């Protein structure tokens, strides 16, 4: 028998809460805390999954940014070295040294006015 059932059994209010009964109030509080804990666990799981996805994206970017990738010549030791990114439709070349600024500028341009995130 769990704690809430024991509290309710002790006061004789097995199936309902009675206002003013300290056992019933304690049982209600325990049940409320359990629901809150379950909600928090679900939120922690959601945030953990989001964090893991963001970490993978960051590691992917750092891998590219650190030059552990090669797109020119033959692959060396299974790596790809990114020298530059080109948009063949517009002929723009993005050099590695300007990559961070270009990403930040593109991200800023996509943020709606008044949105701080």
Protein backbone atom coordinates (compact mmCIF):
# COMPACT_ATOMS: atom_id res chain seq x y z
CA UNK A 1 0.00 0.00 0.00
CA UNK A 2 1.47 3.37 -0.97
CA UNK A 3 1.70 6.39 1.31
CA UNK A 4 -1.39 8.19 0.03
CA UNK A 5 -3.53 5.09 0.43
CA UNK A 6 -2.19 4.60 3.98
CA UNK A 7 -3.01 8.22 4.85
CA UNK A 8 -6.53 7.94 3.49
CA UNK A 9 -7.08 4.56 5.16
CA UNK A 10 -5.91 5.97 8.48
CA UNK A 11 -8.59 8.64 8.45
CA UNK A 12 -11.27 6.46 6.84
CA UNK A 13 -11.56 8.56 3.66
CA UNK A 14 -10.35 5.91 1.23
CA UNK A 15 -11.86 7.21 -2.01
CA UNK A 16 -12.24 10.95 -1.51
CA UNK A 17 -10.64 13.92 0.16
CA UNK A 18 -12.41 15.58 3.03
CA UNK A 19 -11.72 19.27 3.58
CA UNK A 20 -10.00 19.94 6.88
CA UNK A 21 -8.69 16.37 7.24
CA UNK A 22 -4.91 16.62 7.58
CA UNK A 23 -4.41 13.07 6.26
CA UNK A 24 -6.47 13.85 3.16
CA UNK A 25 -4.62 17.14 2.64
CA UNK A 26 -1.27 15.36 3.00
CA UNK A 27 -2.37 12.68 0.52
CA UNK A 28 -3.54 15.36 -1.95
CA UNK A 29 -0.23 17.18 -1.60
CA UNK A 30 1.75 13.99 -2.22
CA UNK A 31 -0.33 13.23 -5.32
CA UNK A 32 0.17 16.78 -6.59
CA UNK A 33 3.92 16.54 -6.05
CA UNK A 34 4.01 13.21 -7.90
CA UNK A 35 2.20 14.75 -10.89
CA UNK A 36 4.60 17.71 -10.83
CA UNK A 37 7.61 15.38 -10.68
CA UNK A 38 6.30 13.39 -13.64
CA UNK A 39 5.87 16.61 -15.63
CA UNK A 40 9.40 17.68 -14.71
CA UNK A 41 10.83 14.29 -15.73
CA UNK A 42 9.13 14.60 -19.12
CA UNK A 43 10.51 18.13 -19.56
CA UNK A 44 14.01 16.96 -18.57
CA UNK A 45 13.80 14.16 -21.15
CA UNK A 46 12.66 16.62 -23.83
CA UNK A 47 15.41 19.10 -22.99
CA UNK A 48 18.03 16.33 -22.87
CA UNK A 49 17.03 15.18 -26.36
CA UNK A 50 17.15 18.79 -27.61
CA UNK A 51 20.58 19.31 -26.00
CA UNK A 52 21.90 16.12 -27.57
CA UNK A 53 20.69 17.26 -31.00
CA UNK A 54 22.26 20.69 -30.56
CA UNK A 55 25.50 19.10 -29.37
CA UNK A 56 25.61 16.93 -32.50
CA UNK A 57 25.07 20.02 -34.68
CA UNK A 58 27.81 21.91 -32.82
CA UNK A 59 30.24 19.02 -33.11
CA UNK A 60 29.47 18.72 -36.83
CA UNK A 61 30.14 22.44 -37.30
CA UNK A 62 33.33 22.35 -35.22
CA UNK A 63 34.52 19.36 -37.22
CA UNK A 64 34.05 21.32 -40.45
CA UNK A 65 35.45 24.53 -39.00
CA UNK A 66 38.56 22.77 -37.66
CA UNK A 67 39.42 21.62 -41.18
CA UNK A 68 38.86 17.94 -40.50
CA UNK A 69 37.01 17.67 -43.78
CA UNK A 70 38.39 17.72 -47.33
CA UNK A 71 36.40 18.60 -50.43
CA UNK A 72 39.31 19.19 -52.79
CA UNK A 73 41.62 16.51 -54.14
CA UNK A 74 41.63 12.99 -52.84
CA UNK A 75 40.37 12.19 -49.38
CA UNK A 76 43.28 11.93 -46.97
CA UNK A 77 42.91 9.59 -44.02
CA UNK A 78 39.14 9.57 -44.48
CA UNK A 79 38.94 13.33 -43.91
CA UNK A 80 37.52 16.13 -45.99
CA UNK A 81 39.21 19.52 -45.94
CA UNK A 82 36.79 22.37 -46.49
CA UNK A 83 38.66 25.17 -48.21
CA UNK A 84 35.61 27.16 -49.27
CA UNK A 85 31.91 26.86 -49.92
CA UNK A 86 30.57 27.99 -53.27
CA UNK A 87 27.04 28.76 -54.37
CA UNK A 88 27.29 27.82 -58.01
CA UNK A 89 23.99 29.51 -58.84
CA UNK A 90 25.31 32.91 -57.72
CA UNK A 91 29.04 32.37 -58.00
CA UNK A 92 29.64 33.48 -54.41
CA UNK A 93 32.63 32.01 -52.59
CA UNK A 94 32.59 31.77 -48.82
CA UNK A 95 36.09 31.47 -47.43
CA UNK A 96 36.62 29.57 -44.22
CA UNK A 97 37.87 32.67 -42.45
CA UNK A 98 34.51 34.39 -43.06
CA UNK A 99 32.34 31.38 -42.26
CA UNK A 100 31.40 32.38 -38.70
CA UNK A 101 30.41 35.91 -39.75
CA UNK A 102 28.38 34.62 -42.69
CA UNK A 103 26.51 32.12 -40.50
CA UNK A 104 25.83 34.75 -37.83
CA UNK A 105 24.62 37.26 -40.43
CA UNK A 106 22.33 34.68 -42.06
CA UNK A 107 20.90 33.66 -38.69
CA UNK A 108 20.32 37.29 -37.69
CA UNK A 109 18.50 37.97 -40.95
CA UNK A 110 16.10 35.09 -40.22
CA UNK A 111 15.13 36.31 -36.72
CA UNK A 112 11.75 38.09 -36.78
CA UNK A 113 11.75 41.68 -35.50
CA UNK A 114 11.25 41.78 -31.74
CA UNK A 115 12.37 38.17 -31.20
CA UNK A 116 15.43 38.13 -28.93
CA UNK A 117 16.31 34.45 -29.42
